[in-house]
């Protein structure tokens, strides 16, 4: 962090987005969401609060339809996704420290999801099957 160039001799300014209670903040990515059968999202976070929305990818701007999201509940990462069969929730059994950078990966392969913290799989889950006649 903070260096660039072939031999990392060039200083660069890194801006870390901040999100808080006083000013609502959002990073919007233009384009359409394509949720494939296999997805992986890696994000490094430095939470200052034990509860909140960290990351959300939704099919529609109003949040309806398929989605993948990362939330903090009592400092425990919670991975939620819905791909048409209902919301699946995968909760970490451990908390992450406030004020410290932590790398969290959300993995999904078909109906199976994994929550990975600092390279270690801490929780897994499976979404429901669709009802077929």
N, C-alpha and C. Protein backbone atom coordinates (compact mmCIF):
# COMPACT_ATOMS: atom_id res chain seq x y z
N UNK A 1 0.83 -1.17 0.00
CA UNK A 1 0.00 0.00 0.00
C UNK A 1 0.88 1.25 0.00
N UNK A 2 0.62 2.14 -0.94
CA UNK A 2 1.29 3.42 -0.93
C UNK A 2 2.50 3.53 -1.82
N UNK A 3 2.86 2.45 -2.55
CA UNK A 3 4.02 2.51 -3.43
C UNK A 3 3.68 1.90 -4.78
N UNK A 4 4.33 2.42 -5.83
CA UNK A 4 4.12 1.91 -7.19
C UNK A 4 5.45 1.94 -7.93
N UNK A 5 5.40 1.49 -9.16
CA UNK A 5 6.61 1.49 -9.98
C UNK A 5 7.25 0.13 -10.01
N UNK A 6 8.20 -0.01 -10.90
CA UNK A 6 8.84 -1.30 -11.12
C UNK A 6 9.55 -1.82 -9.87
N UNK A 7 10.14 -0.92 -9.08
CA UNK A 7 10.83 -1.34 -7.87
C UNK A 7 10.17 -0.74 -6.62
N UNK A 8 8.90 -0.35 -6.77
CA UNK A 8 8.13 0.21 -5.64
C UNK A 8 8.81 1.42 -5.02
N UNK A 9 9.38 2.28 -5.85
CA UNK A 9 10.05 3.48 -5.36
C UNK A 9 9.18 4.73 -5.43
N UNK A 10 8.05 4.65 -6.09
CA UNK A 10 7.20 5.81 -6.30
C UNK A 10 6.07 5.84 -5.27
N UNK A 11 5.99 6.93 -4.52
CA UNK A 11 4.90 7.09 -3.56
C UNK A 11 3.59 7.36 -4.31
N UNK A 12 2.52 6.75 -3.85
CA UNK A 12 1.20 7.06 -4.40
C UNK A 12 0.23 7.32 -3.25
N UNK A 13 -0.76 8.14 -3.51
CA UNK A 13 -1.76 8.47 -2.50
C UNK A 13 -2.92 7.48 -2.63
N UNK A 14 -3.22 6.78 -1.56
CA UNK A 14 -4.33 5.83 -1.56
C UNK A 14 -5.46 6.42 -0.72
N UNK A 15 -6.62 6.48 -1.32
CA UNK A 15 -7.79 7.00 -0.62
C UNK A 15 -8.67 5.82 -0.23
N UNK A 16 -8.94 5.70 1.06
CA UNK A 16 -9.79 4.63 1.57
C UNK A 16 -11.18 5.21 1.78
N UNK A 17 -12.19 4.67 1.09
CA UNK A 17 -13.54 5.22 1.28
C UNK A 17 -14.01 5.01 2.71
N UNK A 18 -14.69 6.01 3.22
CA UNK A 18 -15.21 5.93 4.58
C UNK A 18 -16.71 5.93 4.59
N UNK A 19 -17.29 5.13 5.43
CA UNK A 19 -18.73 5.03 5.56
C UNK A 19 -19.06 5.22 7.03
N UNK A 20 -20.07 6.02 7.32
CA UNK A 20 -20.40 6.26 8.72
C UNK A 20 -21.86 6.55 8.92
N UNK A 21 -22.21 6.81 10.18
CA UNK A 21 -23.60 7.08 10.54
C UNK A 21 -24.03 8.49 10.18
N UNK A 22 -23.09 9.44 10.11
CA UNK A 22 -23.47 10.83 9.90
C UNK A 22 -23.74 11.16 8.44
N UNK A 23 -23.05 10.52 7.52
CA UNK A 23 -23.23 10.79 6.09
C UNK A 23 -23.45 9.47 5.38
N UNK A 24 -24.62 9.30 4.73
CA UNK A 24 -24.81 8.06 3.98
C UNK A 24 -23.83 8.00 2.81
N UNK A 25 -23.19 6.89 2.62
CA UNK A 25 -22.20 6.74 1.57
C UNK A 25 -22.50 5.52 0.73
N UNK A 26 -22.10 5.59 -0.53
CA UNK A 26 -22.33 4.47 -1.43
C UNK A 26 -21.34 4.56 -2.58
N UNK A 27 -20.82 3.42 -3.00
CA UNK A 27 -20.04 3.32 -4.22
C UNK A 27 -20.91 2.60 -5.22
N UNK A 28 -21.18 3.25 -6.35
CA UNK A 28 -22.05 2.64 -7.36
C UNK A 28 -21.20 2.23 -8.56
N UNK A 29 -21.43 1.03 -9.04
CA UNK A 29 -20.75 0.53 -10.23
C UNK A 29 -21.78 0.46 -11.34
N UNK A 30 -21.47 1.11 -12.45
CA UNK A 30 -22.43 1.08 -13.55
C UNK A 30 -22.33 -0.23 -14.31
N UNK A 31 -23.36 -0.53 -15.04
CA UNK A 31 -23.41 -1.78 -15.80
C UNK A 31 -24.40 -2.72 -15.16
N UNK A 32 -24.54 -3.88 -15.75
CA UNK A 32 -25.51 -4.83 -15.23
C UNK A 32 -24.80 -5.92 -14.43
N UNK A 33 -25.52 -6.45 -13.48
CA UNK A 33 -25.01 -7.53 -12.63
C UNK A 33 -25.24 -8.85 -13.33
N UNK A 34 -24.20 -9.61 -13.46
CA UNK A 34 -24.32 -10.95 -13.99
C UNK A 34 -23.85 -11.90 -12.90
N UNK A 35 -24.80 -12.57 -12.28
CA UNK A 35 -24.44 -13.54 -11.26
C UNK A 35 -24.35 -14.90 -11.94
N UNK A 36 -23.17 -15.44 -11.95
CA UNK A 36 -22.90 -16.70 -12.64
C UNK A 36 -23.11 -17.85 -11.65
N UNK A 37 -22.85 -19.07 -12.11
CA UNK A 37 -22.99 -20.22 -11.21
C UNK A 37 -21.87 -20.25 -10.18
N UNK A 38 -20.75 -19.60 -10.49
CA UNK A 38 -19.63 -19.52 -9.55
C UNK A 38 -19.23 -18.06 -9.40
N UNK A 39 -19.26 -17.58 -8.17
CA UNK A 39 -18.89 -16.20 -7.89
C UNK A 39 -17.91 -16.16 -6.74
N UNK A 40 -17.03 -15.16 -6.76
CA UNK A 40 -16.12 -14.93 -5.65
C UNK A 40 -15.88 -13.43 -5.56
N UNK A 41 -16.08 -12.88 -4.39
CA UNK A 41 -15.84 -11.46 -4.14
C UNK A 41 -14.90 -11.36 -2.95
N UNK A 42 -13.81 -10.63 -3.12
CA UNK A 42 -12.86 -10.44 -2.03
C UNK A 42 -12.83 -8.95 -1.69
N UNK A 43 -12.99 -8.64 -0.42
CA UNK A 43 -13.00 -7.25 0.02
C UNK A 43 -12.21 -7.13 1.32
N UNK A 44 -11.43 -6.07 1.42
CA UNK A 44 -10.69 -5.81 2.65
C UNK A 44 -11.40 -4.67 3.37
N UNK A 45 -11.79 -4.91 4.61
CA UNK A 45 -12.57 -3.93 5.36
C UNK A 45 -11.89 -3.57 6.68
N UNK A 46 -12.14 -2.35 7.11
CA UNK A 46 -11.67 -1.87 8.41
C UNK A 46 -12.90 -1.29 9.12
N UNK A 47 -13.70 -2.17 9.72
CA UNK A 47 -14.96 -1.70 10.30
C UNK A 47 -14.74 -0.82 11.54
N UNK A 48 -15.55 0.23 11.62
CA UNK A 48 -15.51 1.10 12.78
C UNK A 48 -16.75 0.92 13.64
N UNK A 49 -17.70 0.13 13.14
CA UNK A 49 -18.92 -0.17 13.86
C UNK A 49 -19.17 -1.67 13.78
N UNK A 50 -19.83 -2.23 14.76
CA UNK A 50 -20.04 -3.68 14.79
C UNK A 50 -21.27 -4.11 13.97
N UNK A 51 -22.05 -3.16 13.47
CA UNK A 51 -23.24 -3.50 12.69
C UNK A 51 -23.31 -2.62 11.44
N UNK A 52 -23.71 -3.23 10.32
CA UNK A 52 -23.92 -2.44 9.12
C UNK A 52 -23.78 -3.23 7.84
N UNK A 53 -24.15 -2.58 6.75
CA UNK A 53 -24.00 -3.14 5.41
C UNK A 53 -22.60 -2.84 4.92
N UNK A 54 -21.88 -3.86 4.48
CA UNK A 54 -20.53 -3.69 3.98
C UNK A 54 -20.53 -3.67 2.46
N UNK A 55 -21.26 -4.59 1.85
CA UNK A 55 -21.20 -4.77 0.41
C UNK A 55 -22.52 -5.36 -0.07
N UNK A 56 -23.03 -4.86 -1.20
CA UNK A 56 -24.25 -5.40 -1.77
C UNK A 56 -24.21 -5.29 -3.28
N UNK A 57 -24.38 -6.42 -3.96
CA UNK A 57 -24.57 -6.45 -5.42
C UNK A 57 -25.98 -6.94 -5.66
N UNK A 58 -26.79 -6.11 -6.34
CA UNK A 58 -28.18 -6.48 -6.58
C UNK A 58 -28.48 -6.45 -8.07
N UNK A 59 -29.42 -7.29 -8.47
CA UNK A 59 -29.80 -7.39 -9.86
C UNK A 59 -30.45 -6.09 -10.35
N UNK A 60 -31.24 -5.45 -9.49
CA UNK A 60 -31.96 -4.23 -9.86
C UNK A 60 -31.58 -3.08 -8.93
N UNK A 61 -31.64 -1.85 -9.43
CA UNK A 61 -31.27 -0.69 -8.60
C UNK A 61 -32.08 -0.57 -7.31
N UNK A 62 -33.31 -1.08 -7.30
CA UNK A 62 -34.14 -0.99 -6.09
C UNK A 62 -33.86 -2.12 -5.11
N UNK A 63 -32.89 -3.00 -5.44
CA UNK A 63 -32.52 -4.09 -4.54
C UNK A 63 -33.32 -5.36 -4.74
N UNK A 64 -34.31 -5.33 -5.63
CA UNK A 64 -35.12 -6.52 -5.86
C UNK A 64 -34.40 -7.48 -6.81
N UNK A 65 -34.77 -8.75 -6.72
CA UNK A 65 -34.16 -9.76 -7.58
C UNK A 65 -32.99 -10.44 -6.90
N UNK A 66 -32.14 -11.06 -7.70
CA UNK A 66 -30.98 -11.77 -7.18
C UNK A 66 -30.01 -10.79 -6.51
N UNK A 67 -29.32 -11.24 -5.46
CA UNK A 67 -28.33 -10.39 -4.81
C UNK A 67 -27.30 -11.23 -4.08
N UNK A 68 -26.17 -10.58 -3.81
CA UNK A 68 -25.12 -11.12 -2.96
C UNK A 68 -24.72 -9.98 -2.03
N UNK A 69 -24.66 -10.23 -0.72
CA UNK A 69 -24.33 -9.16 0.21
C UNK A 69 -23.50 -9.61 1.39
N UNK A 70 -22.77 -8.66 1.95
CA UNK A 70 -21.97 -8.88 3.15
C UNK A 70 -22.41 -7.85 4.19
N UNK A 71 -22.73 -8.33 5.37
CA UNK A 71 -23.21 -7.49 6.45
C UNK A 71 -22.38 -7.77 7.69
N UNK A 72 -22.39 -6.84 8.65
CA UNK A 72 -21.81 -7.09 9.97
C UNK A 72 -22.94 -7.03 10.98
N UNK A 73 -23.04 -8.07 11.81
CA UNK A 73 -24.03 -8.13 12.88
C UNK A 73 -23.28 -8.51 14.15
N UNK A 74 -23.24 -7.61 15.10
CA UNK A 74 -22.46 -7.83 16.33
C UNK A 74 -21.01 -8.19 16.02
N UNK A 75 -20.43 -7.52 15.02
CA UNK A 75 -19.04 -7.71 14.55
C UNK A 75 -18.79 -9.07 13.91
N UNK A 76 -19.86 -9.81 13.61
CA UNK A 76 -19.72 -11.09 12.90
C UNK A 76 -20.11 -10.87 11.43
N UNK A 77 -19.22 -11.24 10.49
CA UNK A 77 -19.57 -11.14 9.09
C UNK A 77 -20.72 -12.10 8.75
N UNK A 78 -21.66 -11.60 7.95
CA UNK A 78 -22.81 -12.39 7.51
C UNK A 78 -22.90 -12.28 5.99
N UNK A 79 -22.83 -13.42 5.31
CA UNK A 79 -22.91 -13.51 3.86
C UNK A 79 -24.33 -13.95 3.52
N UNK A 80 -25.02 -13.12 2.72
CA UNK A 80 -26.38 -13.47 2.29
C UNK A 80 -26.44 -13.45 0.78
N UNK A 81 -27.20 -14.39 0.23
CA UNK A 81 -27.43 -14.37 -1.21
C UNK A 81 -28.78 -14.96 -1.52
N UNK A 82 -29.36 -14.49 -2.62
CA UNK A 82 -30.63 -15.02 -3.11
C UNK A 82 -30.52 -15.09 -4.62
N UNK A 83 -30.64 -16.28 -5.14
CA UNK A 83 -30.55 -16.49 -6.58
C UNK A 83 -31.85 -17.05 -7.12
N UNK A 84 -32.95 -16.73 -6.43
CA UNK A 84 -34.26 -17.12 -6.90
C UNK A 84 -34.94 -18.20 -6.08
N UNK A 85 -34.25 -18.79 -5.12
CA UNK A 85 -34.87 -19.86 -4.32
C UNK A 85 -35.06 -19.45 -2.87
N UNK A 86 -34.83 -18.19 -2.55
CA UNK A 86 -34.94 -17.71 -1.18
C UNK A 86 -33.59 -17.28 -0.65
N UNK A 87 -33.62 -16.50 0.39
CA UNK A 87 -32.38 -15.94 0.96
C UNK A 87 -31.62 -17.01 1.74
N UNK A 88 -30.34 -17.13 1.45
CA UNK A 88 -29.43 -18.00 2.20
C UNK A 88 -28.57 -17.12 3.08
N UNK A 89 -28.39 -17.51 4.32
CA UNK A 89 -27.60 -16.73 5.27
C UNK A 89 -26.49 -17.60 5.84
N UNK A 90 -25.25 -17.10 5.72
CA UNK A 90 -24.08 -17.80 6.25
C UNK A 90 -23.40 -16.84 7.21
N UNK A 91 -23.38 -17.18 8.49
CA UNK A 91 -22.86 -16.30 9.52
C UNK A 91 -21.56 -16.84 10.10
N UNK A 92 -20.57 -15.99 10.24
CA UNK A 92 -19.31 -16.39 10.86
C UNK A 92 -19.53 -16.67 12.34
N UNK A 93 -18.92 -17.72 12.86
CA UNK A 93 -19.02 -17.98 14.29
C UNK A 93 -18.13 -17.04 15.11
N UNK A 94 -17.22 -16.33 14.44
CA UNK A 94 -16.29 -15.45 15.14
C UNK A 94 -16.49 -14.00 14.72
N UNK A 95 -16.13 -13.10 15.61
CA UNK A 95 -16.19 -11.67 15.31
C UNK A 95 -14.89 -11.25 14.63
N UNK A 96 -14.95 -10.10 13.96
CA UNK A 96 -13.73 -9.51 13.42
C UNK A 96 -13.44 -8.25 14.22
N UNK A 97 -12.16 -7.89 14.34
CA UNK A 97 -11.82 -6.74 15.17
C UNK A 97 -12.22 -5.41 14.53
N UNK A 98 -12.67 -4.48 15.34
CA UNK A 98 -12.98 -3.14 14.86
C UNK A 98 -11.68 -2.35 14.74
N UNK A 99 -11.61 -1.50 13.69
CA UNK A 99 -10.45 -0.65 13.50
C UNK A 99 -9.23 -1.34 12.93
N UNK A 100 -9.39 -2.57 12.48
CA UNK A 100 -8.28 -3.34 11.91
C UNK A 100 -8.72 -3.89 10.56
N UNK A 101 -7.84 -3.83 9.55
CA UNK A 101 -8.17 -4.38 8.25
C UNK A 101 -8.29 -5.90 8.32
N UNK A 102 -9.35 -6.42 7.73
CA UNK A 102 -9.61 -7.85 7.64
C UNK A 102 -10.03 -8.15 6.21
N UNK A 103 -9.51 -9.23 5.64
CA UNK A 103 -9.89 -9.63 4.29
C UNK A 103 -10.99 -10.68 4.37
N UNK A 104 -12.09 -10.40 3.68
CA UNK A 104 -13.24 -11.30 3.67
C UNK A 104 -13.53 -11.69 2.23
N UNK A 105 -13.73 -12.99 2.02
CA UNK A 105 -14.08 -13.50 0.70
C UNK A 105 -15.43 -14.18 0.77
N UNK A 106 -16.28 -13.85 -0.18
CA UNK A 106 -17.58 -14.50 -0.33
C UNK A 106 -17.47 -15.41 -1.54
N UNK A 107 -17.65 -16.70 -1.34
CA UNK A 107 -17.56 -17.66 -2.45
C UNK A 107 -18.92 -18.33 -2.63
N UNK A 108 -19.28 -18.51 -3.89
CA UNK A 108 -20.51 -19.23 -4.18
C UNK A 108 -20.28 -20.10 -5.40
N UNK A 109 -20.68 -21.36 -5.28
CA UNK A 109 -20.60 -22.30 -6.40
C UNK A 109 -21.94 -23.01 -6.45
N UNK A 110 -22.77 -22.63 -7.42
CA UNK A 110 -24.12 -23.16 -7.47
C UNK A 110 -24.89 -22.74 -6.24
N UNK A 111 -25.44 -23.71 -5.52
CA UNK A 111 -26.22 -23.42 -4.32
C UNK A 111 -25.37 -23.33 -3.05
N UNK A 112 -24.08 -23.69 -3.15
CA UNK A 112 -23.22 -23.70 -1.97
C UNK A 112 -22.47 -22.38 -1.82
N UNK A 113 -22.41 -21.86 -0.58
CA UNK A 113 -21.68 -20.64 -0.30
C UNK A 113 -20.66 -20.85 0.79
N UNK A 114 -19.60 -20.05 0.76
CA UNK A 114 -18.56 -20.11 1.79
C UNK A 114 -18.21 -18.69 2.21
N UNK A 115 -17.93 -18.52 3.47
CA UNK A 115 -17.45 -17.27 4.03
C UNK A 115 -16.02 -17.51 4.49
N UNK A 116 -15.08 -16.73 3.93
CA UNK A 116 -13.66 -16.92 4.19
C UNK A 116 -13.12 -15.65 4.84
N UNK A 117 -12.45 -15.78 5.99
CA UNK A 117 -11.88 -14.63 6.68
C UNK A 117 -10.37 -14.84 6.78
N UNK A 118 -9.63 -13.88 6.23
CA UNK A 118 -8.16 -13.94 6.22
C UNK A 118 -7.65 -15.28 5.74
N UNK A 119 -8.27 -15.81 4.67
CA UNK A 119 -7.81 -17.04 4.04
C UNK A 119 -8.32 -18.33 4.64
N UNK A 120 -9.15 -18.24 5.69
CA UNK A 120 -9.66 -19.45 6.36
C UNK A 120 -11.17 -19.53 6.18
N UNK A 121 -11.65 -20.68 5.69
CA UNK A 121 -13.09 -20.88 5.57
C UNK A 121 -13.66 -21.01 6.98
N UNK A 122 -14.56 -20.07 7.35
CA UNK A 122 -15.11 -20.08 8.71
C UNK A 122 -16.56 -20.55 8.75
N UNK A 123 -17.26 -20.53 7.60
CA UNK A 123 -18.65 -20.98 7.59
C UNK A 123 -19.06 -21.33 6.16
N UNK A 124 -19.95 -22.31 6.05
CA UNK A 124 -20.49 -22.71 4.75
C UNK A 124 -22.01 -22.87 4.87
N UNK A 125 -22.66 -22.86 3.74
CA UNK A 125 -24.11 -23.06 3.72
C UNK A 125 -24.59 -23.35 2.32
N UNK A 126 -25.83 -23.81 2.22
CA UNK A 126 -26.42 -24.16 0.94
C UNK A 126 -27.81 -23.56 0.84
N UNK A 127 -28.12 -23.01 -0.33
CA UNK A 127 -29.47 -22.48 -0.54
C UNK A 127 -30.46 -23.61 -0.81
N UNK A 128 -31.73 -23.29 -0.67
CA UNK A 128 -32.75 -24.28 -0.92
C UNK A 128 -32.82 -24.65 -2.41
N UNK A 129 -33.32 -25.83 -2.66
CA UNK A 129 -33.59 -26.24 -4.05
C UNK A 129 -34.86 -25.57 -4.52
N UNK A 130 -34.94 -25.37 -5.83
CA UNK A 130 -36.18 -24.84 -6.37
C UNK A 130 -37.22 -25.93 -6.36
N UNK A 131 -38.48 -25.56 -6.19
CA UNK A 131 -39.57 -26.53 -6.23
C UNK A 131 -39.90 -26.87 -7.68
N UNK A 132 -39.94 -28.13 -7.98
CA UNK A 132 -40.28 -28.56 -9.34
C UNK A 132 -41.48 -29.48 -9.28
N UNK A 133 -42.31 -29.40 -10.30
CA UNK A 133 -43.51 -30.24 -10.33
C UNK A 133 -43.25 -31.51 -11.08
